[in-house]
Amino acid sequence: MKRMLLLILSFAFLGLWIVGLFSPDRSSSIHIALIVALLFFLRSIMTLGVDIPAVKKTSKENN
């Protein structure tokens, strides 16, 4: 459920970023928001399918 919500938010930010590219207003605040949205999208896409397994020490490593 959390991954689906993150995926939906990521594509929403990507859509806003694309719309912002073609907006007639070229203020710096829009550019900053676009960069933040793009970075959020890239980060979420790169971490969506990655499961980090818990590191378990074996008995040899404990000694």
PDB file of N, CA and C in Angstrom:
ATOM      1  N   MET A   1       0.821  -1.193   0.000  1.00  0.00           N
ATOM      2  CA  MET A   1       0.000   0.000   0.000  1.00  0.00           C
ATOM      3  C   MET A   1       0.862   1.252   0.000  1.00  0.00           C
ATOM      4  N   LYS A   2       1.926   1.218   0.822  1.00  0.00           N
ATOM      5  CA  LYS A   2       2.811   2.378   0.894  1.00  0.00           C
ATOM      6  C   LYS A   2       3.535   2.596  -0.436  1.00  0.00           C
ATOM      7  N   ARG A   3       3.927   1.502  -1.066  1.00  0.00           N
ATOM      8  CA  ARG A   3       4.623   1.626  -2.350  1.00  0.00           C
ATOM      9  C   ARG A   3       3.707   2.172  -3.432  1.00  0.00           C
ATOM     10  N   MET A   4       2.437   1.764  -3.413  1.00  0.00           N
ATOM     11  CA  MET A   4       1.488   2.255  -4.406  1.00  0.00           C
ATOM     12  C   MET A   4       1.262   3.752  -4.225  1.00  0.00           C
ATOM     13  N   LEU A   5       1.142   4.194  -2.974  1.00  0.00           N
ATOM     14  CA  LEU A   5       0.969   5.618  -2.703  1.00  0.00           C
ATOM     15  C   LEU A   5       2.196   6.402  -3.151  1.00  0.00           C
ATOM     16  N   LEU A   6       3.383   5.860  -2.880  1.00  0.00           N
ATOM     17  CA  LEU A   6       4.613   6.520  -3.295  1.00  0.00           C
ATOM     18  C   LEU A   6       4.713   6.586  -4.813  1.00  0.00           C
ATOM     19  N   LEU A   7       4.291   5.533  -5.484  1.00  0.00           N
ATOM     20  CA  LEU A   7       4.312   5.526  -6.944  1.00  0.00           C
ATOM     21  C   LEU A   7       3.342   6.559  -7.513  1.00  0.00           C
ATOM     22  N   ILE A   8       2.154   6.651  -6.939  1.00  0.00           N
ATOM     23  CA  ILE A   8       1.177   7.642  -7.403  1.00  0.00           C
ATOM     24  C   ILE A   8       1.695   9.054  -7.173  1.00  0.00           C
ATOM     25  N   LEU A   9       2.265   9.305  -6.000  1.00  0.00           N
ATOM     26  CA  LEU A   9       2.829  10.631  -5.725  1.00  0.00           C
ATOM     27  C   LEU A   9       3.984  10.952  -6.664  1.00  0.00           C
ATOM     28  N   SER A  10       4.797   9.958  -6.963  1.00  0.00           N
ATOM     29  CA  SER A  10       5.932  10.173  -7.859  1.00  0.00           C
ATOM     30  C   SER A  10       5.465  10.585  -9.246  1.00  0.00           C
ATOM     31  N   PHE A  11       4.463   9.895  -9.765  1.00  0.00           N
ATOM     32  CA  PHE A  11       3.971  10.253 -11.090  1.00  0.00           C
ATOM     33  C   PHE A  11       3.220  11.579 -11.069  1.00  0.00           C
ATOM     34  N   ALA A  12       2.594  11.912  -9.941  1.00  0.00           N
ATOM     35  CA  ALA A  12       1.954  13.223  -9.824  1.00  0.00           C
ATOM     36  C   ALA A  12       3.007  14.326  -9.873  1.00  0.00           C
ATOM     37  N   PHE A  13       4.116  14.133  -9.150  1.00  0.00           N
ATOM     38  CA  PHE A  13       5.192  15.113  -9.190  1.00  0.00           C
ATOM     39  C   PHE A  13       5.817  15.195 -10.581  1.00  0.00           C
ATOM     40  N   LEU A  14       5.948  14.058 -11.242  1.00  0.00           N
ATOM     41  CA  LEU A  14       6.491  14.074 -12.598  1.00  0.00           C
ATOM     42  C   LEU A  14       5.562  14.833 -13.534  1.00  0.00           C
ATOM     43  N   GLY A  15       4.258  14.627 -13.392  1.00  0.00           N
ATOM     44  CA  GLY A  15       3.292  15.366 -14.203  1.00  0.00           C
ATOM     45  C   GLY A  15       3.368  16.856 -13.946  1.00  0.00           C
ATOM     46  N   LEU A  16       3.472  17.245 -12.682  1.00  0.00           N
ATOM     47  CA  LEU A  16       3.618  18.671 -12.360  1.00  0.00           C
ATOM     48  C   LEU A  16       4.903  19.233 -12.939  1.00  0.00           C
ATOM     49  N   TRP A  17       5.954  18.431 -12.915  1.00  0.00           N
ATOM     50  CA  TRP A  17       7.231  18.886 -13.449  1.00  0.00           C
ATOM     51  C   TRP A  17       7.123  19.127 -14.951  1.00  0.00           C
ATOM     52  N   ILE A  18       6.471  18.219 -15.659  1.00  0.00           N
ATOM     53  CA  ILE A  18       6.314  18.368 -17.109  1.00  0.00           C
ATOM     54  C   ILE A  18       5.440  19.573 -17.429  1.00  0.00           C
ATOM     55  N   VAL A  19       4.344  19.749 -16.670  1.00  0.00           N
ATOM     56  CA  VAL A  19       3.478  20.915 -16.886  1.00  0.00           C
ATOM     57  C   VAL A  19       4.246  22.201 -16.598  1.00  0.00           C
ATOM     58  N   GLY A  20       5.051  22.184 -15.553  1.00  0.00           N
ATOM     59  CA  GLY A  20       5.834  23.367 -15.200  1.00  0.00           C
ATOM     60  C   GLY A  20       6.869  23.737 -16.245  1.00  0.00           C
ATOM     61  N   LEU A  21       7.364  22.768 -16.983  1.00  0.00           N
ATOM     62  CA  LEU A  21       8.337  23.062 -18.036  1.00  0.00           C
ATOM     63  C   LEU A  21       7.739  23.927 -19.131  1.00  0.00           C
ATOM     64  N   PHE A  22       6.452  23.740 -19.388  1.00  0.00           N
ATOM     65  CA  PHE A  22       5.809  24.449 -20.482  1.00  0.00           C
ATOM     66  C   PHE A  22       4.984  25.641 -20.012  1.00  0.00           C
ATOM     67  N   SER A  23       5.094  26.000 -18.730  1.00  0.00           N
ATOM     68  CA  SER A  23       4.336  27.155 -18.245  1.00  0.00           C
ATOM     69  C   SER A  23       5.005  28.442 -18.733  1.00  0.00           C
ATOM     70  N   PRO A  24       4.206  29.468 -19.023  1.00  0.00           N
ATOM     71  CA  PRO A  24       4.781  30.724 -19.519  1.00  0.00           C
ATOM     72  C   PRO A  24       5.531  31.494 -18.442  1.00  0.00           C
ATOM     73  N   ASP A  25       5.228  31.236 -17.164  1.00  0.00           N
ATOM     74  CA  ASP A  25       5.898  31.942 -16.073  1.00  0.00           C
ATOM     75  C   ASP A  25       7.236  31.266 -15.800  1.00  0.00           C
ATOM     76  N   ARG A  26       8.307  31.980 -15.936  1.00  0.00           N
ATOM     77  CA  ARG A  26       9.645  31.399 -15.761  1.00  0.00           C
ATOM     78  C   ARG A  26      10.335  31.956 -14.515  1.00  0.00           C
ATOM     79  N   SER A  27       9.623  32.046 -13.400  1.00  0.00           N
ATOM     80  CA  SER A  27      10.235  32.569 -12.181  1.00  0.00           C
ATOM     81  C   SER A  27      11.144  31.508 -11.558  1.00  0.00           C
ATOM     82  N   SER A  28      12.045  31.963 -10.709  1.00  0.00           N
ATOM     83  CA  SER A  28      13.014  31.041 -10.121  1.00  0.00           C
ATOM     84  C   SER A  28      12.351  30.088  -9.133  1.00  0.00           C
ATOM     85  N   SER A  29      11.270  30.505  -8.483  1.00  0.00           N
ATOM     86  CA  SER A  29      10.613  29.607  -7.525  1.00  0.00           C
ATOM     87  C   SER A  29      10.011  28.400  -8.231  1.00  0.00           C
ATOM     88  N   ILE A  30       9.520  28.587  -9.454  1.00  0.00           N
ATOM     89  CA  ILE A  30       8.990  27.455 -10.214  1.00  0.00           C
ATOM     90  C   ILE A  30      10.117  26.493 -10.575  1.00  0.00           C
ATOM     91  N   HIS A  31      11.269  27.027 -10.935  1.00  0.00           N
ATOM     92  CA  HIS A  31      12.397  26.166 -11.285  1.00  0.00           C
ATOM     93  C   HIS A  31      12.870  25.365 -10.070  1.00  0.00           C
ATOM     94  N   ILE A  32      12.897  25.987  -8.908  1.00  0.00           N
ATOM     95  CA  ILE A  32      13.303  25.272  -7.699  1.00  0.00           C
ATOM     96  C   ILE A  32      12.302  24.165  -7.382  1.00  0.00           C
ATOM     97  N   ALA A  33      11.013  24.473  -7.504  1.00  0.00           N
ATOM     98  CA  ALA A  33       9.987  23.460  -7.253  1.00  0.00           C
ATOM     99  C   ALA A  33      10.091  22.315  -8.259  1.00  0.00           C
ATOM    100  N   LEU A  34      10.410  22.633  -9.503  1.00  0.00           N
ATOM    101  CA  LEU A  34      10.553  21.594 -10.521  1.00  0.00           C
ATOM    102  C   LEU A  34      11.736  20.683 -10.219  1.00  0.00           C
ATOM    103  N   ILE A  35      12.827  21.260  -9.769  1.00  0.00           N
ATOM    104  CA  ILE A  35      14.006  20.460  -9.439  1.00  0.00           C
ATOM    105  C   ILE A  35      13.712  19.544  -8.254  1.00  0.00           C
ATOM    106  N   VAL A  36      13.036  20.084  -7.234  1.00  0.00           N
ATOM    107  CA  VAL A  36      12.680  19.267  -6.072  1.00  0.00           C
ATOM    108  C   VAL A  36      11.751  18.130  -6.479  1.00  0.00           C
ATOM    109  N   ALA A  37      10.771  18.427  -7.330  1.00  0.00           N
ATOM    110  CA  ALA A  37       9.838  17.395  -7.783  1.00  0.00           C
ATOM    111  C   ALA A  37      10.561  16.319  -8.584  1.00  0.00           C
ATOM    112  N   LEU A  38      11.481  16.722  -9.437  1.00  0.00           N
ATOM    113  CA  LEU A  38      12.227  15.748 -10.228  1.00  0.00           C
ATOM    114  C   LEU A  38      13.106  14.875  -9.340  1.00  0.00           C
ATOM    115  N   LEU A  39      13.772  15.478  -8.365  1.00  0.00           N
ATOM    116  CA  LEU A  39      14.615  14.701  -7.463  1.00  0.00           C
ATOM    117  C   LEU A  39      13.788  13.723  -6.634  1.00  0.00           C
ATOM    118  N   PHE A  40      12.613  14.156  -6.175  1.00  0.00           N
ATOM    119  CA  PHE A  40      11.736  13.257  -5.427  1.00  0.00           C
ATOM    120  C   PHE A  40      11.294  12.095  -6.301  1.00  0.00           C
ATOM    121  N   PHE A  41      10.955  12.390  -7.540  1.00  0.00           N
ATOM    122  CA  PHE A  41      10.529  11.337  -8.457  1.00  0.00           C
ATOM    123  C   PHE A  41      11.649  10.329  -8.690  1.00  0.00           C
ATOM    124  N   LEU A  42      12.838  10.811  -8.969  1.00  0.00           N
ATOM    125  CA  LEU A  42      13.962   9.906  -9.229  1.00  0.00           C
ATOM    126  C   LEU A  42      14.298   9.067  -7.999  1.00  0.00           C
ATOM    127  N   ARG A  43      14.293   9.687  -6.820  1.00  0.00           N
ATOM    128  CA  ARG A  43      14.616   8.957  -5.600  1.00  0.00           C
ATOM    129  C   ARG A  43      13.584   7.873  -5.329  1.00  0.00           C
ATOM    130  N   SER A  44      12.332   8.207  -5.511  1.00  0.00           N
ATOM    131  CA  SER A  44      11.297   7.223  -5.211  1.00  0.00           C
ATOM    132  C   SER A  44      11.294   6.084  -6.223  1.00  0.00           C
ATOM    133  N   ILE A  45      11.556   6.373  -7.483  1.00  0.00           N
ATOM    134  CA  ILE A  45      11.612   5.318  -8.490  1.00  0.00           C
ATOM    135  C   ILE A  45      12.799   4.394  -8.219  1.00  0.00           C
ATOM    136  N   MET A  46      13.931   4.957  -7.800  1.00  0.00           N
ATOM    137  CA  MET A  46      15.110   4.131  -7.553  1.00  0.00           C
ATOM    138  C   MET A  46      14.953   3.274  -6.303  1.00  0.00           C
ATOM    139  N   THR A  47      14.125   3.698  -5.344  1.00  0.00           N
ATOM    140  CA  THR A  47      13.987   2.933  -4.106  1.00  0.00           C
ATOM    141  C   THR A  47      12.723   2.094  -4.061  1.00  0.00           C
ATOM    142  N   LEU A  48      11.880   2.148  -5.081  1.00  0.00           N
ATOM    143  CA  LEU A  48      10.612   1.416  -5.030  1.00  0.00           C
ATOM    144  C   LEU A  48      10.804  -0.091  -4.964  1.00  0.00           C
ATOM    145  N   GLY A  49      11.656  -0.636  -5.786  1.00  0.00           N
ATOM    146  CA  GLY A  49      11.801  -2.081  -5.846  1.00  0.00           C
ATOM    147  C   GLY A  49      12.922  -2.632  -5.011  1.00  0.00           C
ATOM    148  N   VAL A  50      13.570  -1.807  -4.221  1.00  0.00           N
ATOM    149  CA  VAL A  50      14.739  -2.250  -3.472  1.00  0.00           C
ATOM    150  C   VAL A  50      14.329  -2.595  -2.049  1.00  0.00           C
ATOM    151  N   ASP A  51      14.470  -3.843  -1.692  1.00  0.00           N
ATOM    152  CA  ASP A  51      14.252  -4.276  -0.315  1.00  0.00           C
ATOM    153  C   ASP A  51      15.609  -4.590   0.285  1.00  0.00           C
ATOM    154  N   ILE A  52      15.933  -3.917   1.378  1.00  0.00           N
ATOM    155  CA  ILE A  52      17.217  -4.146   2.026  1.00  0.00           C
ATOM    156  C   ILE A  52      16.999  -5.200   3.108  1.00  0.00           C
ATOM    157  N   PRO A  53      17.575  -6.379   2.921  1.00  0.00           N
ATOM    158  CA  PRO A  53      17.365  -7.430   3.921  1.00  0.00           C
ATOM    159  C   PRO A  53      18.114  -7.106   5.213  1.00  0.00           C
ATOM    160  N   ALA A  54      17.583  -7.582   6.303  1.00  0.00           N
ATOM    161  CA  ALA A  54      18.246  -7.381   7.591  1.00  0.00           C
ATOM    162  C   ALA A  54      19.537  -8.192   7.611  1.00  0.00           C
ATOM    163  N   VAL A  55      20.558  -7.595   8.134  1.00  0.00           N
ATOM    164  CA  VAL A  55      21.851  -8.269   8.207  1.00  0.00           C
ATOM    165  C   VAL A  55      21.873  -9.103   9.478  1.00  0.00           C
ATOM    166  N   LYS A  56      22.060 -10.400   9.318  1.00  0.00           N
ATOM    167  CA  LYS A  56      22.116 -11.307  10.462  1.00  0.00           C
ATOM    168  C   LYS A  56      23.540 -11.830  10.595  1.00  0.00           C
ATOM    169  N   LYS A  57      24.033 -11.751  11.817  1.00  0.00           N
ATOM    170  CA  LYS A  57      25.378 -12.257  12.067  1.00  0.00           C
ATOM    171  C   LYS A  57      25.318 -13.762  12.285  1.00  0.00           C
ATOM    172  N   THR A  58      26.281 -14.439  11.717  1.00  0.00           N
ATOM    173  CA  THR A  58      26.376 -15.881  11.941  1.00  0.00           C
ATOM    174  C   THR A  58      27.149 -16.129  13.224  1.00  0.00           C
ATOM    175  N   SER A  59      27.155 -17.354  13.657  1.00  0.00           N
ATOM    176  CA  SER A  59      27.862 -17.682  14.901  1.00  0.00           C
ATOM    177  C   SER A  59      29.365 -17.471  14.743  1.00  0.00           C
ATOM    178  N   LYS A  60      29.896 -17.633  13.543  1.00  0.00           N
ATOM    179  CA  LYS A  60      31.326 -17.417  13.320  1.00  0.00           C
ATOM    180  C   LYS A  60      31.672 -15.939  13.448  1.00  0.00           C
ATOM    181  N   GLU A  61      30.784 -15.054  13.009  1.00  0.00           N
ATOM    182  CA  GLU A  61      31.056 -13.624  13.102  1.00  0.00           C
ATOM    183  C   GLU A  61      30.942 -13.128  14.536  1.00  0.00           C
ATOM    184  N   ASN A  62      30.117 -13.769  15.362  1.00  0.00           N
ATOM    185  CA  ASN A  62      29.956 -13.355  16.757  1.00  0.00           C
ATOM    186  C   ASN A  62      31.178 -13.689  17.595  1.00  0.00           C
ATOM    187  N   ASN A  63      31.934 -14.733  17.227  1.00  0.00           N
ATOM    188  CA  ASN A  63      33.102 -15.151  18.009  1.00  0.00           C
ATOM    189  C   ASN A  63      34.322 -14.384  17.659  1.00  0.00           C
TER     190      ASN A  63
END
